[in-house]
Structure formats: C-alpha cells, structure tokens
Amino acid sequence: MTNQPYGGYGAHGARGAQEPYAPYQQPQAWPGQGYDDPYADQQHTQQWQGQTWETQMQPPVAPVTAAEETSYLPPQGGAEPAPVAGVEPEPGYGPATLGGNARVTDAQRARAEGRSPIIEPGMQPAVLTAVLGLLLAGGAALGTYALLVPLVVLQGVTAAGWFRLNGMWPARQGIALGFLGALVADAAMLVADRSPGVILGTLGVWVLLSLMVQLRSHADPDERMYGLMATVVAAALAIAAGGYLAADADAVVVGAVAVAAAMVARALPVPTAVSVVIALAVAGGAGFAVGGMETDGALMGAGAAVCALIGHRVASYDYPSRFVHFTAGVALPLAAAAPAVYILGRIFT
C-alpha cells in the first residue's frame, strides 16, 4: 500500500472506501532503514534542534539591538555604512588630551605624523594674564610692597606651570624649591634696595642646591638629569620674574600693561601670523598711551610684548593640558617679559 502523508487521501484526491480516516503517523524505522515517505527527510531536518545538514561552517550571528533594527543598510559595493539612527558616530580621534580620552588623540596622531606639537592656551588664560599684568602695573604705581603681592603669585604659578608643562606632576619638591628661590630673591632685593645683582646671586646658589637635591635621587640617570633641568629652569624663571621688583616703577607699568594687551590680542580667532602682528601693534600702542605719549613707551611696550609672545609660545608646546594652560599659559608671558622690562626701563628712563 502506498503511504499517504495527508490523512488517507489517494492519488486522485478521493478518500479510500475500505480505509478508515486516521491521522498521519510517521513510520518507525531502525537506523539505516529507508523511508517510503518522500517528506520524511524534510520533517526530520525541521525537527532537528542542533546542527543542520549544511556542510559549510556558518559564522555566528550577533544579536540585533534596537538601534540596529532602525538603522539603514546601504547597498553593497563599496559604499560606506550610514550612521545608526539616533546615534552620533564617534570621531576617530578625540580632543587633544583635554578631556582624558582613552582613544588616540589628535595630539598623538599629529606627533606621529611629525606635525608641529602646538596647542595655544586660548582666550581665558589670556584674560587671566591680562588681569595679573594689570595687578602688577597697579602695584608698581602704588609702591614696592603693593607690587610684591601679585609678583609672589606670578612666581608661584610660574614654578608650578613649568613642571606640569614638562609632564612632571606632582612635583611638590621641585615646585617648592623653585618658589622658595623666588621668595629668597625677593627678600634679598628688598634688603639690598632692589639691587638686580641679587637675582644673579640667587640663581647661582639655587643651581647648586638643585644639583644637590637631584644627586640624592634614586631614579635612573636620564630621569635625574631631566628632573635637574626642570628644577633649574623652574627656579630660574620664578627668580627672573623678580625683575619687576628691580625695575623702575614706570617701566613696570608700561611693560605689564603692554603684555596684558598683547596677550588678549594674541588670543583673537585669527591666523597665527596675523595675531602676532596685531599683538605687537596693540602692545606698542598701549605702551605709547601709558608711557606719556612718547616713542620710548611704544618701544618699551613692543619689546616686552616680544618676550611675552616667546613665553606664550613655550607654554603652547607639546600638547599641554588645561592645567598647563591655566598655569604656564598664564604666567610664562609675564615671567619672560620681566628681564626685558628691567633692561628697557634702564635704557629709556
């Protein structure tokens, strides 16, 4: 008898007269025994819960998220995949070490490609530099001890910013050593009637002291040399900022105001070369206005601005962090301009 898989219907579609209706039951068979039912293999495959009968290995299918279900799949053939709906694509490179991004940053990429490692502080540090410069100018106009207060702030921020700019943080011992040298130089100048020779003497002593401190270090020779240079330079910059205390009061007023104006102009959103020219012009104009409408004031302001721009450039080097921008980026322009203010003040006054 021919097996009828659909409940007793024959080949012509009529129910057999002598065969009662019965639901289909799959015939039992021992392993290796063939089936008469042509659909048995298909039923056996559909009921299988494990591996399929395909001979090729298929890659596992990742679960589909809700965002992927709504995404648009572009046609194949080299087109780039469209972004998932409602999800902004992540950039290949994050911000320049300002937000702590664990991905490859713009700074690291630029360094690997050999491009200039410069990130300028911006307008906010420039405004702080201008405020500190105006405080120095106002203190110099009021008297020596009024000048001393913003000067001490400038020296402390200079020492801290230099260590952070060089990637050495925390460096409490080095910062304290540099700041202490600045305080000693300030005190010695007050005792010696603001003699500039005290600055050179303090620098010599602090170089030897920094060398003795680094000799006691147990770090590698390269690290000790790097720490020695950072300590010496931080102390030198902080002590040299005391040039405002040794300079003539009128020179401090002109130079500090010129640096304040130059830094704000330098932070304008224009090309670098244009902002440098504008900064020098603004500094010269500020010096001319504050210096009694004389050419000497304009030259003094422009000279102080040149040194301040050098300090600003140094504070922008090697992808500094936001902390560097608000320490070295604020203090280095003023600290670098201090020797120029003293020298130009001796020349023009």
Protein backbone atom coordinates (compact mmCIF):
# COMPACT_ATOMS: atom_id res chain seq x y z
CA MET A 1 0.00 0.00 0.00
CA THR A 2 1.30 3.49 -0.90
CA ASN A 3 1.96 5.72 2.06
CA GLN A 4 -0.49 8.64 2.13
CA PRO A 5 1.07 11.53 4.10
CA TYR A 6 -2.02 13.77 4.16
CA GLY A 7 -4.55 11.72 6.14
CA GLY A 8 -5.75 8.92 3.85
CA TYR A 9 -6.21 10.67 0.50
CA GLY A 10 -5.22 8.67 -2.54
CA ALA A 11 -3.50 9.75 -5.70
CA HIS A 12 -6.76 11.12 -7.25
CA GLY A 13 -7.82 13.05 -4.13
CA ALA A 14 -10.69 10.67 -3.10
CA ARG A 15 -10.83 9.01 0.29
CA GLY A 16 -10.47 5.21 0.10
CA ALA A 17 -13.73 3.38 0.76
CA GLN A 18 -12.24 0.48 2.72
CA GLU A 19 -9.64 2.54 4.70
CA PRO A 20 -10.87 4.49 7.72
CA TYR A 21 -9.54 8.00 8.36
CA ALA A 22 -6.59 8.14 10.71
CA PRO A 23 -4.08 10.91 11.39
CA TYR A 24 -0.69 10.58 9.90
CA GLN A 25 1.89 8.75 11.95
CA GLN A 26 5.50 8.73 10.96
CA PRO A 27 6.65 5.13 10.40
CA GLN A 28 9.19 3.77 12.80
CA ALA A 29 12.48 2.64 11.42
CA TRP A 30 15.76 1.36 12.75
CA PRO A 31 18.92 3.28 11.99
CA GLY A 32 19.91 2.68 8.41
CA GLN A 33 16.44 1.68 7.27
CA GLY A 34 14.98 3.79 4.42
CA TYR A 35 11.64 5.55 4.41
CA ASP A 36 8.88 5.24 1.87
CA ASP A 37 7.62 8.73 2.78
CA PRO A 38 9.31 11.29 0.45
CA TYR A 39 8.82 14.09 3.07
CA ALA A 40 10.35 12.22 5.92
CA ASP A 41 13.83 13.63 5.40
CA GLN A 42 12.46 17.17 5.37
CA GLN A 43 10.45 16.57 8.55
CA HIS A 44 13.48 15.05 10.21
CA THR A 45 15.57 18.10 9.29
CA GLN A 46 12.95 20.56 10.51
CA GLN A 47 12.59 18.81 13.85
CA TRP A 48 16.35 18.79 14.45
CA GLN A 49 17.34 21.24 17.21
CA GLY A 50 21.12 21.06 16.89
CA GLN A 51 23.36 21.23 13.84
CA THR A 52 21.94 21.44 10.35
CA TRP A 53 22.80 19.24 7.39
CA GLU A 54 24.78 22.04 5.69
CA THR A 55 28.35 21.07 5.09
CA GLN A 56 29.77 24.62 5.22
CA MET A 57 30.56 26.32 8.51
CA GLN A 58 28.43 29.45 9.03
CA PRO A 59 29.65 32.42 11.12
CA PRO A 60 27.77 33.09 14.35
CA VAL A 61 25.04 35.69 14.14
CA ALA A 62 25.38 38.60 16.57
CA PRO A 63 22.24 39.68 18.40
CA VAL A 64 20.49 42.63 16.83
CA THR A 65 19.99 45.63 19.05
CA ALA A 66 17.08 48.02 18.90
CA ALA A 67 19.25 50.73 17.34
CA GLU A 68 20.47 48.39 14.62
CA GLU A 69 16.92 47.40 13.74
CA THR A 70 16.18 51.01 12.84
CA SER A 71 19.44 51.59 11.00
CA TYR A 72 19.63 52.00 7.28
CA LEU A 73 21.66 49.41 5.41
CA PRO A 74 23.16 50.94 2.26
CA PRO A 75 23.63 48.88 -0.88
CA GLN A 76 26.79 46.84 -1.05
CA GLY A 77 29.52 47.78 -3.45
CA GLY A 78 31.99 49.99 -1.65
CA ALA A 79 29.56 52.47 -0.07
CA GLU A 80 30.34 53.50 3.48
CA PRO A 81 27.81 52.37 6.10
CA ALA A 82 25.39 55.05 7.22
CA PRO A 83 25.27 56.02 10.90
CA VAL A 84 22.76 54.35 13.17
CA ALA A 85 19.59 56.37 13.56
CA GLY A 86 19.62 58.42 16.75
CA VAL A 87 23.30 57.65 17.49
CA GLU A 88 26.04 60.11 16.60
CA PRO A 89 29.13 58.46 15.12
CA GLU A 90 32.22 58.55 17.34
CA PRO A 91 35.14 60.51 15.91
CA GLY A 92 38.25 58.61 15.00
CA TYR A 93 40.37 60.90 17.17
CA GLY A 94 39.32 62.71 20.30
CA PRO A 95 40.30 66.09 21.73
CA ALA A 96 43.87 66.97 22.46
CA THR A 97 44.37 65.37 25.84
CA LEU A 98 41.96 67.94 27.33
CA GLY A 99 39.20 65.53 28.22
CA GLY A 100 41.07 62.37 29.17
CA ASN A 101 40.02 60.44 26.06
CA ALA A 102 41.40 56.89 26.02
CA ARG A 103 41.35 56.76 22.22
CA VAL A 104 44.18 58.02 20.04
CA THR A 105 44.07 61.79 20.35
CA ASP A 106 44.74 64.47 17.78
CA ALA A 107 47.91 65.26 19.68
CA GLN A 108 49.25 61.72 19.43
CA ARG A 109 48.32 61.48 15.78
CA ALA A 110 49.98 64.80 14.98
CA ARG A 111 53.12 63.80 16.85
CA ALA A 112 53.28 60.50 14.94
CA GLU A 113 52.89 62.36 11.65
CA GLY A 114 55.65 64.82 12.55
CA ARG A 115 53.44 67.89 12.67
CA SER A 116 54.02 70.86 14.99
CA PRO A 117 53.05 69.96 18.59
CA ILE A 118 51.47 73.31 19.44
CA ILE A 119 48.15 73.97 21.16
CA GLU A 120 47.67 77.59 22.20
CA PRO A 121 46.08 78.37 25.59
CA GLY A 122 43.20 80.45 24.24
CA MET A 123 41.25 83.45 25.45
CA GLN A 124 40.54 82.51 29.07
CA PRO A 125 44.22 82.15 30.10
CA ALA A 126 44.96 85.33 28.12
CA VAL A 127 42.38 87.21 30.17
CA LEU A 128 43.94 85.90 33.38
CA THR A 129 47.35 87.02 32.13
CA ALA A 130 45.91 90.45 31.43
CA VAL A 131 44.38 90.64 34.92
CA LEU A 132 47.66 89.64 36.55
CA GLY A 133 49.54 92.13 34.38
CA LEU A 134 47.21 94.93 35.39
CA LEU A 135 47.66 93.97 39.03
CA LEU A 136 51.43 94.21 38.58
CA ALA A 137 51.05 97.60 36.94
CA GLY A 138 48.73 98.86 39.66
CA GLY A 139 51.01 97.51 42.39
CA ALA A 140 54.04 99.20 40.85
CA ALA A 141 52.16 102.51 40.74
CA LEU A 142 51.22 102.18 44.41
CA GLY A 143 54.58 101.11 45.76
CA THR A 144 57.07 98.31 46.28
CA TYR A 145 55.09 96.25 48.78
CA ALA A 146 51.91 96.56 46.75
CA LEU A 147 53.83 95.17 43.78
CA LEU A 148 55.13 92.31 45.90
CA VAL A 149 51.72 90.65 46.31
CA PRO A 150 50.90 89.93 42.62
CA LEU A 151 54.58 89.23 42.00
CA VAL A 152 54.62 86.38 44.52
CA VAL A 153 51.50 84.93 42.88
CA LEU A 154 53.20 85.15 39.48
CA GLN A 155 56.33 83.39 40.77
CA GLY A 156 54.40 80.52 42.38
CA VAL A 157 52.27 79.90 39.28
CA THR A 158 55.39 80.03 37.11
CA ALA A 159 57.17 77.31 39.10
CA ALA A 160 54.12 75.04 39.15
CA GLY A 161 53.32 75.57 35.48
CA TRP A 162 56.81 74.76 34.29
CA PHE A 163 56.84 71.33 35.94
CA ARG A 164 53.40 70.49 34.59
CA LEU A 165 54.39 71.71 31.14
CA ASN A 166 57.27 69.20 31.21
CA GLY A 167 54.98 66.34 32.23
CA MET A 168 56.29 66.14 35.80
CA TRP A 169 53.34 66.07 38.17
CA PRO A 170 53.03 66.05 41.08
CA ALA A 171 56.49 67.55 41.64
CA ARG A 172 55.96 69.20 45.01
CA GLN A 173 59.62 69.15 45.95
CA GLY A 174 60.76 70.83 42.74
CA ILE A 175 57.92 73.38 42.79
CA ALA A 176 58.64 74.24 46.42
CA LEU A 177 62.35 74.57 45.66
CA GLY A 178 61.80 76.93 42.72
CA PHE A 179 59.23 79.00 44.58
CA LEU A 180 61.50 79.22 47.62
CA GLY A 181 64.29 80.56 45.42
CA ALA A 182 61.96 83.29 44.15
CA LEU A 183 60.98 84.25 47.68
CA VAL A 184 64.63 84.39 48.77
CA ALA A 185 65.49 86.60 45.79
CA ASP A 186 62.57 88.94 46.55
CA ALA A 187 63.57 89.24 50.20
CA ALA A 188 67.20 89.83 49.30
CA MET A 189 66.25 92.56 46.83
CA LEU A 190 64.17 94.34 49.46
CA VAL A 191 67.11 94.23 51.84
CA ALA A 192 69.59 95.33 49.15
CA ASP A 193 67.45 98.24 47.94
CA ARG A 194 66.12 96.27 44.90
CA SER A 195 69.58 95.55 43.51
CA PRO A 196 69.38 93.32 40.39
CA GLY A 197 72.65 91.61 41.29
CA VAL A 198 70.76 89.69 43.96
CA ILE A 199 68.87 87.86 41.22
CA LEU A 200 72.09 86.53 39.68
CA GLY A 201 73.47 85.50 43.08
CA THR A 202 70.28 83.64 43.99
CA LEU A 203 70.30 81.86 40.65
CA GLY A 204 73.84 80.59 41.22
CA VAL A 205 73.03 79.31 44.69
CA TRP A 206 69.84 77.61 43.53
CA VAL A 207 71.56 75.80 40.68
CA LEU A 208 73.93 74.21 43.22
CA LEU A 209 71.07 73.43 45.57
CA SER A 210 69.06 71.79 42.79
CA LEU A 211 72.09 69.71 41.86
CA MET A 212 72.49 68.50 45.44
CA VAL A 213 68.81 67.55 45.63
CA GLN A 214 68.96 65.53 42.41
CA LEU A 215 72.12 63.71 43.48
CA ARG A 216 70.15 62.23 46.36
CA SER A 217 67.55 60.81 43.99
CA HIS A 218 67.43 57.05 43.35
CA ALA A 219 65.89 57.40 39.89
CA ASP A 220 67.57 56.43 36.63
CA PRO A 221 70.34 58.75 35.39
CA ASP A 222 68.22 60.01 32.50
CA GLU A 223 65.32 60.81 34.81
CA ARG A 224 67.61 62.55 37.28
CA MET A 225 69.05 64.71 34.51
CA TYR A 226 65.58 65.58 33.26
CA GLY A 227 64.46 66.45 36.79
CA LEU A 228 67.57 68.56 37.34
CA MET A 229 66.98 70.62 34.21
CA ALA A 230 63.29 71.10 35.02
CA THR A 231 64.09 72.21 38.56
CA VAL A 232 66.80 74.64 37.48
CA VAL A 233 64.66 76.21 34.74
CA ALA A 234 61.60 76.50 37.01
CA ALA A 235 63.70 78.21 39.67
CA ALA A 236 65.36 80.46 37.08
CA LEU A 237 62.02 81.59 35.62
CA ALA A 238 60.48 82.22 39.03
CA ILE A 239 63.53 84.14 40.23
CA ALA A 240 63.83 86.10 36.98
CA ALA A 241 60.23 87.25 37.38
CA GLY A 242 61.61 89.29 40.26
CA GLY A 243 62.90 91.66 37.61
CA TYR A 244 59.64 93.57 38.07
CA LEU A 245 60.74 94.31 41.62
CA ALA A 246 64.16 95.54 40.48
CA ALA A 247 62.84 97.62 37.55
CA ASP A 248 61.73 101.22 37.64
CA ALA A 249 58.08 101.62 38.61
CA ASP A 250 57.19 103.47 35.38
CA ALA A 251 58.80 100.72 33.31
CA VAL A 252 56.78 98.07 35.17
CA VAL A 253 53.55 99.95 34.49
CA VAL A 254 54.29 100.29 30.78
CA GLY A 255 55.59 96.75 30.33
CA ALA A 256 52.85 95.00 32.31
CA VAL A 257 50.06 96.89 30.55
CA ALA A 258 51.64 96.17 27.16
CA VAL A 259 51.89 92.44 27.93
CA ALA A 260 48.27 92.38 29.11
CA ALA A 261 47.07 93.98 25.87
CA ALA A 262 49.31 91.80 23.71
CA MET A 263 48.07 88.52 25.21
CA VAL A 264 44.43 89.37 24.67
CA ALA A 265 45.16 90.36 21.08
CA ARG A 266 47.18 87.18 20.56
CA ALA A 267 44.19 85.05 21.57
CA LEU A 268 41.90 86.50 18.90
CA PRO A 269 40.46 83.89 16.48
CA VAL A 270 42.63 84.90 13.52
CA PRO A 271 45.62 83.21 11.84
CA THR A 272 48.76 82.99 13.97
CA ALA A 273 50.87 85.38 11.92
CA VAL A 274 48.09 87.97 11.88
CA SER A 275 47.51 87.70 15.63
CA VAL A 276 51.25 88.16 16.32
CA VAL A 277 51.33 91.35 14.26
CA ILE A 278 48.17 92.63 15.94
CA ALA A 279 49.58 91.78 19.39
CA LEU A 280 52.79 93.71 18.75
CA ALA A 281 50.89 96.69 17.38
CA VAL A 282 48.48 96.70 20.30
CA ALA A 283 51.35 96.39 22.79
CA GLY A 284 53.16 99.31 21.16
CA GLY A 285 50.01 101.39 21.26
CA ALA A 286 49.39 100.53 24.91
CA GLY A 287 52.97 101.43 25.80
CA PHE A 288 52.66 104.69 23.91
CA ALA A 289 49.45 105.59 25.75
CA VAL A 290 50.64 104.60 29.22
CA GLY A 291 54.17 105.92 28.74
CA GLY A 292 53.18 109.54 28.34
CA MET A 293 52.53 109.55 24.60
CA GLU A 294 56.20 109.07 23.83
CA THR A 295 58.04 106.83 21.40
CA ASP A 296 60.07 105.32 24.23
CA GLY A 297 56.90 103.95 25.77
CA ALA A 298 55.88 102.35 22.47
CA LEU A 299 59.30 100.74 22.05
CA MET A 300 59.28 99.50 25.62
CA GLY A 301 55.80 98.03 25.22
CA ALA A 302 56.70 96.31 21.94
CA GLY A 303 59.91 94.89 23.42
CA ALA A 304 58.10 93.48 26.44
CA ALA A 305 55.45 92.00 24.13
CA VAL A 306 58.11 90.19 22.07
CA CYS A 307 59.38 88.39 25.17
CA ALA A 308 55.81 87.70 26.29
CA LEU A 309 54.99 86.11 22.93
CA ILE A 310 58.02 83.84 23.31
CA GLY A 311 56.77 82.75 26.72
CA HIS A 312 53.30 82.22 25.28
CA ARG A 313 54.76 80.02 22.55
CA VAL A 314 56.70 77.94 25.07
CA ALA A 315 53.53 77.41 27.11
CA SER A 316 51.80 76.11 23.96
CA TYR A 317 54.35 73.39 23.21
CA ASP A 318 53.92 69.61 23.35
CA TYR A 319 50.15 69.38 23.70
CA PRO A 320 49.70 70.84 27.18
CA SER A 321 46.67 70.08 29.29
CA ARG A 322 44.08 72.52 30.57
CA PHE A 323 46.02 72.77 33.83
CA VAL A 324 49.11 73.86 31.89
CA HIS A 325 47.07 76.48 30.05
CA PHE A 326 45.93 78.00 33.35
CA THR A 327 49.40 77.95 34.96
CA ALA A 328 52.23 78.16 32.44
CA GLY A 329 49.94 79.70 29.84
CA VAL A 330 49.07 82.49 32.27
CA ALA A 331 52.44 83.05 33.96
CA LEU A 332 55.13 82.44 31.33
CA PRO A 333 54.35 85.52 29.18
CA LEU A 334 54.72 87.80 32.18
CA ALA A 335 57.72 85.96 33.62
CA ALA A 336 59.56 86.02 30.28
CA ALA A 337 58.90 89.74 29.90
CA ALA A 338 60.35 90.67 33.33
CA PRO A 339 64.04 90.86 32.25
CA ALA A 340 63.06 92.93 29.19
CA VAL A 341 61.07 95.32 31.36
CA TYR A 342 64.10 95.86 33.60
CA ILE A 343 66.58 96.31 30.73
CA LEU A 344 64.32 98.54 28.62
CA GLY A 345 63.46 100.55 31.68
CA ARG A 346 67.16 101.23 32.27
CA ILE A 347 67.56 102.28 28.64
CA PHE A 348 64.55 104.56 28.20
CA THR A 349 64.12 106.05 31.67
